[in-house]
Amino acid sequence: MILDNDFHIPGEGFAWETEYSSNSRPVSIGRGCFIGARAIILKGVTLGDKVVVGAGAVVTRSFPSGSVIGGNPAGLLQNRV
């Protein structure tokens, strides 16, 4: 899953706001990346070229080219550059 916003933010009382564009940030995925099954890449993340994302990882921050990442939150497992 690649998510560029938080979808709904808490509103007044028990309501939920439907305005999600105000909290959106672009996601950038470089060339030749491999993203494992059920990984989640959150808003504002930039992945360099040839980044490997492990299955089930939750990517909350950006990583440079050649990184191998995994976990929740995703961390650097190896840098192949």
PDB file of N, CA and C in Angstrom:
ATOM      1  N   MET A   1       0.845  -1.174   0.000  1.00  0.00           N
ATOM      2  CA  MET A   1       0.000   0.000   0.000  1.00  0.00           C
ATOM      3  C   MET A   1       0.887   1.232   0.000  1.00  0.00           C
ATOM      4  N   ILE A   2       0.514   2.197  -0.804  1.00  0.00           N
ATOM      5  CA  ILE A   2       1.234   3.464  -0.859  1.00  0.00           C
ATOM      6  C   ILE A   2       0.212   4.545  -0.528  1.00  0.00           C
ATOM      7  N   LEU A   3       0.436   5.239   0.579  1.00  0.00           N
ATOM      8  CA  LEU A   3      -0.533   6.218   1.076  1.00  0.00           C
ATOM      9  C   LEU A   3       0.096   7.602   1.099  1.00  0.00           C
ATOM     10  N   ASP A   4      -0.542   8.573   0.448  1.00  0.00           N
ATOM     11  CA  ASP A   4       0.014   9.929   0.423  1.00  0.00           C
ATOM     12  C   ASP A   4      -0.696  10.893   1.364  1.00  0.00           C
ATOM     13  N   ASN A   5      -1.604  10.372   2.212  1.00  0.00           N
ATOM     14  CA  ASN A   5      -2.308  11.231   3.174  1.00  0.00           C
ATOM     15  C   ASN A   5      -2.827  10.379   4.327  1.00  0.00           C
ATOM     16  N   ASP A   6      -3.419  11.048   5.310  1.00  0.00           N
ATOM     17  CA  ASP A   6      -3.962  10.361   6.477  1.00  0.00           C
ATOM     18  C   ASP A   6      -5.444  10.032   6.310  1.00  0.00           C
ATOM     19  N   PHE A   7      -6.001  10.302   5.148  1.00  0.00           N
ATOM     20  CA  PHE A   7      -7.403  10.079   4.809  1.00  0.00           C
ATOM     21  C   PHE A   7      -8.333  10.928   5.650  1.00  0.00           C
ATOM     22  N   HIS A   8      -8.629  10.534   6.858  1.00  0.00           N
ATOM     23  CA  HIS A   8      -9.560  11.303   7.678  1.00  0.00           C
ATOM     24  C   HIS A   8      -8.865  11.716   8.969  1.00  0.00           C
ATOM     25  N   ILE A   9      -9.103  12.951   9.351  1.00  0.00           N
ATOM     26  CA  ILE A   9      -8.550  13.450  10.607  1.00  0.00           C
ATOM     27  C   ILE A   9      -9.702  13.709  11.576  1.00  0.00           C
ATOM     28  N   PRO A  10      -9.462  13.574  12.860  1.00  0.00           N
ATOM     29  CA  PRO A  10     -10.546  13.793  13.827  1.00  0.00           C
ATOM     30  C   PRO A  10     -11.112  15.206  13.726  1.00  0.00           C
ATOM     31  N   GLY A  11     -12.412  15.295  13.762  1.00  0.00           N
ATOM     32  CA  GLY A  11     -13.085  16.585  13.734  1.00  0.00           C
ATOM     33  C   GLY A  11     -13.651  16.912  15.102  1.00  0.00           C
ATOM     34  N   GLU A  12     -14.630  17.754  15.110  1.00  0.00           N
ATOM     35  CA  GLU A  12     -15.251  18.169  16.354  1.00  0.00           C
ATOM     36  C   GLU A  12     -16.133  17.053  16.906  1.00  0.00           C
ATOM     37  N   GLY A  13     -16.083  16.838  18.205  1.00  0.00           N
ATOM     38  CA  GLY A  13     -16.881  15.782  18.825  1.00  0.00           C
ATOM     39  C   GLY A  13     -16.418  14.411  18.342  1.00  0.00           C
ATOM     40  N   PHE A  14     -17.349  13.619  17.846  1.00  0.00           N
ATOM     41  CA  PHE A  14     -17.036  12.285  17.337  1.00  0.00           C
ATOM     42  C   PHE A  14     -17.005  12.249  15.814  1.00  0.00           C
ATOM     43  N   ALA A  15     -17.003  13.417  15.188  1.00  0.00           N
ATOM     44  CA  ALA A  15     -17.023  13.498  13.720  1.00  0.00           C
ATOM     45  C   ALA A  15     -15.625  13.307  13.135  1.00  0.00           C
ATOM     46  N   TRP A  16     -15.597  12.957  11.869  1.00  0.00           N
ATOM     47  CA  TRP A  16     -14.344  12.849  11.119  1.00  0.00           C
ATOM     48  C   TRP A  16     -14.396  13.826   9.961  1.00  0.00           C
ATOM     49  N   GLU A  17     -13.295  14.526   9.747  1.00  0.00           N
ATOM     50  CA  GLU A  17     -13.199  15.463   8.633  1.00  0.00           C
ATOM     51  C   GLU A  17     -13.000  14.681   7.339  1.00  0.00           C
ATOM     52  N   THR A  18     -13.508  15.216   6.250  1.00  0.00           N
ATOM     53  CA  THR A  18     -13.327  14.566   4.958  1.00  0.00           C
ATOM     54  C   THR A  18     -12.267  15.264   4.115  1.00  0.00           C
ATOM     55  N   GLU A  19     -11.741  16.359   4.591  1.00  0.00           N
ATOM     56  CA  GLU A  19     -10.713  17.100   3.860  1.00  0.00           C
ATOM     57  C   GLU A  19      -9.352  16.464   4.117  1.00  0.00           C
ATOM     58  N   TYR A  20      -8.854  15.715   3.164  1.00  0.00           N
ATOM     59  CA  TYR A  20      -7.570  15.039   3.340  1.00  0.00           C
ATOM     60  C   TYR A  20      -6.435  15.684   2.559  1.00  0.00           C
ATOM     61  N   SER A  21      -6.742  16.570   1.616  1.00  0.00           N
ATOM     62  CA  SER A  21      -5.671  17.160   0.808  1.00  0.00           C
ATOM     63  C   SER A  21      -4.767  18.069   1.626  1.00  0.00           C
ATOM     64  N   SER A  22      -5.265  18.620   2.727  1.00  0.00           N
ATOM     65  CA  SER A  22      -4.439  19.521   3.539  1.00  0.00           C
ATOM     66  C   SER A  22      -3.347  18.770   4.294  1.00  0.00           C
ATOM     67  N   ASN A  23      -3.489  17.450   4.480  1.00  0.00           N
ATOM     68  CA  ASN A  23      -2.448  16.702   5.182  1.00  0.00           C
ATOM     69  C   ASN A  23      -1.714  15.729   4.257  1.00  0.00           C
ATOM     70  N   SER A  24      -1.854  15.900   2.945  1.00  0.00           N
ATOM     71  CA  SER A  24      -1.178  14.997   2.014  1.00  0.00           C
ATOM     72  C   SER A  24       0.249  15.461   1.726  1.00  0.00           C
ATOM     73  N   ARG A  25       1.129  14.501   1.436  1.00  0.00           N
ATOM     74  CA  ARG A  25       2.514  14.770   1.030  1.00  0.00           C
ATOM     75  C   ARG A  25       2.887  13.738  -0.015  1.00  0.00           C
ATOM     76  N   PRO A  26       3.639  14.122  -1.023  1.00  0.00           N
ATOM     77  CA  PRO A  26       3.955  13.184  -2.105  1.00  0.00           C
ATOM     78  C   PRO A  26       4.855  12.035  -1.658  1.00  0.00           C
ATOM     79  N   VAL A  27       4.725  10.924  -2.357  1.00  0.00           N
ATOM     80  CA  VAL A  27       5.565   9.748  -2.171  1.00  0.00           C
ATOM     81  C   VAL A  27       6.361   9.568  -3.464  1.00  0.00           C
ATOM     82  N   SER A  28       7.659   9.311  -3.340  1.00  0.00           N
ATOM     83  CA  SER A  28       8.506   9.114  -4.518  1.00  0.00           C
ATOM     84  C   SER A  28       9.240   7.785  -4.390  1.00  0.00           C
ATOM     85  N   ILE A  29       9.100   6.946  -5.410  1.00  0.00           N
ATOM     86  CA  ILE A  29       9.749   5.636  -5.419  1.00  0.00           C
ATOM     87  C   ILE A  29      10.681   5.581  -6.620  1.00  0.00           C
ATOM     88  N   GLY A  30      11.960   5.345  -6.347  1.00  0.00           N
ATOM     89  CA  GLY A  30      12.980   5.347  -7.389  1.00  0.00           C
ATOM     90  C   GLY A  30      12.855   4.178  -8.350  1.00  0.00           C
ATOM     91  N   ARG A  31      13.726   4.177  -9.332  1.00  0.00           N
ATOM     92  CA  ARG A  31      13.724   3.131 -10.358  1.00  0.00           C
ATOM     93  C   ARG A  31      14.299   1.832  -9.809  1.00  0.00           C
ATOM     94  N   GLY A  32      13.731   0.726 -10.227  1.00  0.00           N
ATOM     95  CA  GLY A  32      14.258  -0.586  -9.879  1.00  0.00           C
ATOM     96  C   GLY A  32      14.045  -1.011  -8.443  1.00  0.00           C
ATOM     97  N   CYS A  33      13.110  -0.390  -7.755  1.00  0.00           N
ATOM     98  CA  CYS A  33      12.830  -0.773  -6.368  1.00  0.00           C
ATOM     99  C   CYS A  33      12.041  -2.082  -6.332  1.00  0.00           C
ATOM    100  N   PHE A  34      12.222  -2.841  -5.256  1.00  0.00           N
ATOM    101  CA  PHE A  34      11.432  -4.044  -5.009  1.00  0.00           C
ATOM    102  C   PHE A  34      10.684  -3.818  -3.705  1.00  0.00           C
ATOM    103  N   ILE A  35       9.363  -3.935  -3.765  1.00  0.00           N
ATOM    104  CA  ILE A  35       8.535  -3.725  -2.584  1.00  0.00           C
ATOM    105  C   ILE A  35       7.840  -5.037  -2.260  1.00  0.00           C
ATOM    106  N   GLY A  36       8.170  -5.599  -1.093  1.00  0.00           N
ATOM    107  CA  GLY A  36       7.626  -6.882  -0.674  1.00  0.00           C
ATOM    108  C   GLY A  36       6.134  -6.825  -0.401  1.00  0.00           C
ATOM    109  N   ALA A  37       5.532  -8.012  -0.366  1.00  0.00           N
ATOM    110  CA  ALA A  37       4.092  -8.145  -0.148  1.00  0.00           C
ATOM    111  C   ALA A  37       3.651  -7.470   1.149  1.00  0.00           C
ATOM    112  N   ARG A  38       2.533  -6.786   1.075  1.00  0.00           N
ATOM    113  CA  ARG A  38       1.886  -6.137   2.219  1.00  0.00           C
ATOM    114  C   ARG A  38       2.732  -5.072   2.911  1.00  0.00           C
ATOM    115  N   ALA A  39       3.705  -4.532   2.223  1.00  0.00           N
ATOM    116  CA  ALA A  39       4.453  -3.395   2.768  1.00  0.00           C
ATOM    117  C   ALA A  39       3.552  -2.160   2.707  1.00  0.00           C
ATOM    118  N   ILE A  40       3.772  -1.241   3.627  1.00  0.00           N
ATOM    119  CA  ILE A  40       3.018   0.011   3.666  1.00  0.00           C
ATOM    120  C   ILE A  40       4.021   1.152   3.590  1.00  0.00           C
ATOM    121  N   ILE A  41       3.845   2.030   2.606  1.00  0.00           N
ATOM    122  CA  ILE A  41       4.714   3.198   2.451  1.00  0.00           C
ATOM    123  C   ILE A  41       3.855   4.427   2.719  1.00  0.00           C
ATOM    124  N   LEU A  42       4.250   5.186   3.735  1.00  0.00           N
ATOM    125  CA  LEU A  42       3.422   6.308   4.189  1.00  0.00           C
ATOM    126  C   LEU A  42       3.795   7.622   3.528  1.00  0.00           C
ATOM    127  N   LYS A  43       2.948   8.614   3.737  1.00  0.00           N
ATOM    128  CA  LYS A  43       3.092   9.917   3.085  1.00  0.00           C
ATOM    129  C   LYS A  43       4.454  10.555   3.349  1.00  0.00           C
ATOM    130  N   GLY A  44       4.951  11.278   2.344  1.00  0.00           N
ATOM    131  CA  GLY A  44       6.190  12.022   2.480  1.00  0.00           C
ATOM    132  C   GLY A  44       7.461  11.214   2.307  1.00  0.00           C
ATOM    133  N   VAL A  45       7.359   9.911   2.042  1.00  0.00           N
ATOM    134  CA  VAL A  45       8.536   9.036   1.929  1.00  0.00           C
ATOM    135  C   VAL A  45       9.130   9.127   0.529  1.00  0.00           C
ATOM    136  N   THR A  46      10.454   9.173   0.462  1.00  0.00           N
ATOM    137  CA  THR A  46      11.187   9.078  -0.796  1.00  0.00           C
ATOM    138  C   THR A  46      12.130   7.891  -0.701  1.00  0.00           C
ATOM    139  N   LEU A  47      12.026   6.982  -1.665  1.00  0.00           N
ATOM    140  CA  LEU A  47      12.925   5.844  -1.748  1.00  0.00           C
ATOM    141  C   LEU A  47      13.814   6.035  -2.969  1.00  0.00           C
ATOM    142  N   GLY A  48      15.115   5.921  -2.768  1.00  0.00           N
ATOM    143  CA  GLY A  48      16.055   6.045  -3.873  1.00  0.00           C
ATOM    144  C   GLY A  48      15.952   4.857  -4.815  1.00  0.00           C
ATOM    145  N   ASP A  49      16.785   4.841  -5.840  1.00  0.00           N
ATOM    146  CA  ASP A  49      16.803   3.749  -6.804  1.00  0.00           C
ATOM    147  C   ASP A  49      17.243   2.443  -6.153  1.00  0.00           C
ATOM    148  N   LYS A  50      16.683   1.350  -6.621  1.00  0.00           N
ATOM    149  CA  LYS A  50      17.041  -0.008  -6.213  1.00  0.00           C
ATOM    150  C   LYS A  50      16.934  -0.261  -4.710  1.00  0.00           C
ATOM    151  N   VAL A  51      15.965   0.346  -4.065  1.00  0.00           N
ATOM    152  CA  VAL A  51      15.701   0.067  -2.650  1.00  0.00           C
ATOM    153  C   VAL A  51      14.883  -1.221  -2.566  1.00  0.00           C
ATOM    154  N   VAL A  52      15.221  -2.082  -1.624  1.00  0.00           N
ATOM    155  CA  VAL A  52      14.470  -3.309  -1.376  1.00  0.00           C
ATOM    156  C   VAL A  52      13.713  -3.115  -0.063  1.00  0.00           C
ATOM    157  N   VAL A  53      12.383  -3.257  -0.129  1.00  0.00           N
ATOM    158  CA  VAL A  53      11.520  -3.117   1.042  1.00  0.00           C
ATOM    159  C   VAL A  53      11.012  -4.508   1.407  1.00  0.00           C
ATOM    160  N   GLY A  54      11.302  -4.952   2.617  1.00  0.00           N
ATOM    161  CA  GLY A  54      10.887  -6.276   3.063  1.00  0.00           C
ATOM    162  C   GLY A  54       9.384  -6.400   3.196  1.00  0.00           C
ATOM    163  N   ALA A  55       8.892  -7.620   3.054  1.00  0.00           N
ATOM    164  CA  ALA A  55       7.463  -7.891   3.176  1.00  0.00           C
ATOM    165  C   ALA A  55       6.950  -7.435   4.537  1.00  0.00           C
ATOM    166  N   GLY A  56       5.807  -6.767   4.536  1.00  0.00           N
ATOM    167  CA  GLY A  56       5.180  -6.326   5.768  1.00  0.00           C
ATOM    168  C   GLY A  56       5.801  -5.100   6.419  1.00  0.00           C
ATOM    169  N   ALA A  57       6.804  -4.511   5.792  1.00  0.00           N
ATOM    170  CA  ALA A  57       7.461  -3.329   6.367  1.00  0.00           C
ATOM    171  C   ALA A  57       6.503  -2.144   6.400  1.00  0.00           C
ATOM    172  N   VAL A  58       6.669  -1.280   7.396  1.00  0.00           N
ATOM    173  CA  VAL A  58       5.927  -0.028   7.462  1.00  0.00           C
ATOM    174  C   VAL A  58       6.957   1.088   7.330  1.00  0.00           C
ATOM    175  N   VAL A  59       6.982   1.711   6.157  1.00  0.00           N
ATOM    176  CA  VAL A  59       8.008   2.698   5.828  1.00  0.00           C
ATOM    177  C   VAL A  59       7.496   4.085   6.197  1.00  0.00           C
ATOM    178  N   THR A  60       8.105   4.677   7.229  1.00  0.00           N
ATOM    179  CA  THR A  60       7.659   5.968   7.752  1.00  0.00           C
ATOM    180  C   THR A  60       8.620   7.103   7.431  1.00  0.00           C
ATOM    181  N   ARG A  61       9.797   6.765   6.883  1.00  0.00           N
ATOM    182  CA  ARG A  61      10.789   7.810   6.550  1.00  0.00           C
ATOM    183  C   ARG A  61      11.506   7.429   5.264  1.00  0.00           C
ATOM    184  N   SER A  62      12.272   8.342   4.730  1.00  0.00           N
ATOM    185  CA  SER A  62      12.956   8.148   3.451  1.00  0.00           C
ATOM    186  C   SER A  62      14.254   7.370   3.603  1.00  0.00           C
ATOM    187  N   PHE A  63      14.658   6.678   2.510  1.00  0.00           N
ATOM    188  CA  PHE A  63      15.898   5.912   2.480  1.00  0.00           C
ATOM    189  C   PHE A  63      16.619   6.158   1.166  1.00  0.00           C
ATOM    190  N   PRO A  64      17.966   6.168   1.194  1.00  0.00           N
ATOM    191  CA  PRO A  64      18.743   6.433  -0.019  1.00  0.00           C
ATOM    192  C   PRO A  64      18.830   5.207  -0.937  1.00  0.00           C
ATOM    193  N   SER A  65      19.318   5.424  -2.131  1.00  0.00           N
ATOM    194  CA  SER A  65      19.503   4.358  -3.116  1.00  0.00           C
ATOM    195  C   SER A  65      20.306   3.204  -2.540  1.00  0.00           C
ATOM    196  N   GLY A  66      19.936   1.985  -2.936  1.00  0.00           N
ATOM    197  CA  GLY A  66      20.665   0.797  -2.535  1.00  0.00           C
ATOM    198  C   GLY A  66      20.358   0.274  -1.152  1.00  0.00           C
ATOM    199  N   SER A  67      19.420   0.878  -0.451  1.00  0.00           N
ATOM    200  CA  SER A  67      19.081   0.430   0.902  1.00  0.00           C
ATOM    201  C   SER A  67      18.250  -0.839   0.867  1.00  0.00           C
ATOM    202  N   VAL A  68      18.455  -1.691   1.845  1.00  0.00           N
ATOM    203  CA  VAL A  68      17.588  -2.837   2.095  1.00  0.00           C
ATOM    204  C   VAL A  68      16.943  -2.553   3.441  1.00  0.00           C
ATOM    205  N   ILE A  69      15.621  -2.443   3.463  1.00  0.00           N
ATOM    206  CA  ILE A  69      14.929  -2.017   4.670  1.00  0.00           C
ATOM    207  C   ILE A  69      13.835  -3.011   5.044  1.00  0.00           C
ATOM    208  N   GLY A  70      13.471  -3.024   6.320  1.00  0.00           N
ATOM    209  CA  GLY A  70      12.396  -3.879   6.781  1.00  0.00           C
ATOM    210  C   GLY A  70      12.035  -3.573   8.214  1.00  0.00           C
ATOM    211  N   GLY A  71      10.903  -4.095   8.648  1.00  0.00           N
ATOM    212  CA  GLY A  71      10.466  -3.922  10.030  1.00  0.00           C
ATOM    213  C   GLY A  71       9.345  -2.923  10.170  1.00  0.00           C
ATOM    214  N   ASN A  72       8.948  -2.690  11.439  1.00  0.00           N
ATOM    215  CA  ASN A  72       7.895  -1.737  11.757  1.00  0.00           C
ATOM    216  C   ASN A  72       8.295  -0.953  13.000  1.00  0.00           C
ATOM    217  N   PRO A  73       8.701   0.299  12.837  1.00  0.00           N
ATOM    218  CA  PRO A  73       8.874   1.003  11.565  1.00  0.00           C
ATOM    219  C   PRO A  73      10.105   0.493  10.834  1.00  0.00           C
ATOM    220  N   ALA A  74      10.106   0.659   9.517  1.00  0.00           N
ATOM    221  CA  ALA A  74      11.199   0.153   8.694  1.00  0.00           C
ATOM    222  C   ALA A  74      12.529   0.814   9.081  1.00  0.00           C
ATOM    223  N   GLY A  75      13.546   0.001   9.144  1.00  0.00           N
ATOM    224  CA  GLY A  75      14.889   0.472   9.432  1.00  0.00           C
ATOM    225  C   GLY A  75      15.863  -0.093   8.411  1.00  0.00           C
ATOM    226  N   LEU A  76      17.044   0.461   8.370  1.00  0.00           N
ATOM    227  CA  LEU A  76      18.062   0.040   7.429  1.00  0.00           C
ATOM    228  C   LEU A  76      18.646  -1.296   7.862  1.00  0.00           C
ATOM    229  N   LEU A  77      18.569  -2.297   6.993  1.00  0.00           N
ATOM    230  CA  LEU A  77      19.134  -3.604   7.261  1.00  0.00           C
ATOM    231  C   LEU A  77      20.499  -3.746   6.589  1.00  0.00           C
ATOM    232  N   GLN A  78      20.626  -3.106   5.414  1.00  0.00           N
ATOM    233  CA  GLN A  78      21.883  -3.182   4.668  1.00  0.00           C
ATOM    234  C   GLN A  78      21.879  -2.059   3.640  1.00  0.00           C
ATOM    235  N   ASN A  79      23.060  -1.518   3.353  1.00  0.00           N
ATOM    236  CA  ASN A  79      23.188  -0.532   2.271  1.00  0.00           C
ATOM    237  C   ASN A  79      24.123  -1.125   1.238  1.00  0.00           C
ATOM    238  N   ARG A  80      23.602  -1.367   0.043  1.00  0.00           N
ATOM    239  CA  ARG A  80      24.362  -2.027  -1.002  1.00  0.00           C
ATOM    240  C   ARG A  80      25.162  -1.072  -1.873  1.00  0.00           C
ATOM    241  N   VAL A  81      25.206   0.197  -1.534  1.00  0.00           N
ATOM    242  CA  VAL A  81      25.956   1.171  -2.352  1.00  0.00           C
ATOM    243  C   VAL A  81      27.368   1.314  -1.821  1.00  0.00           C
TER     244      VAL A  81
END
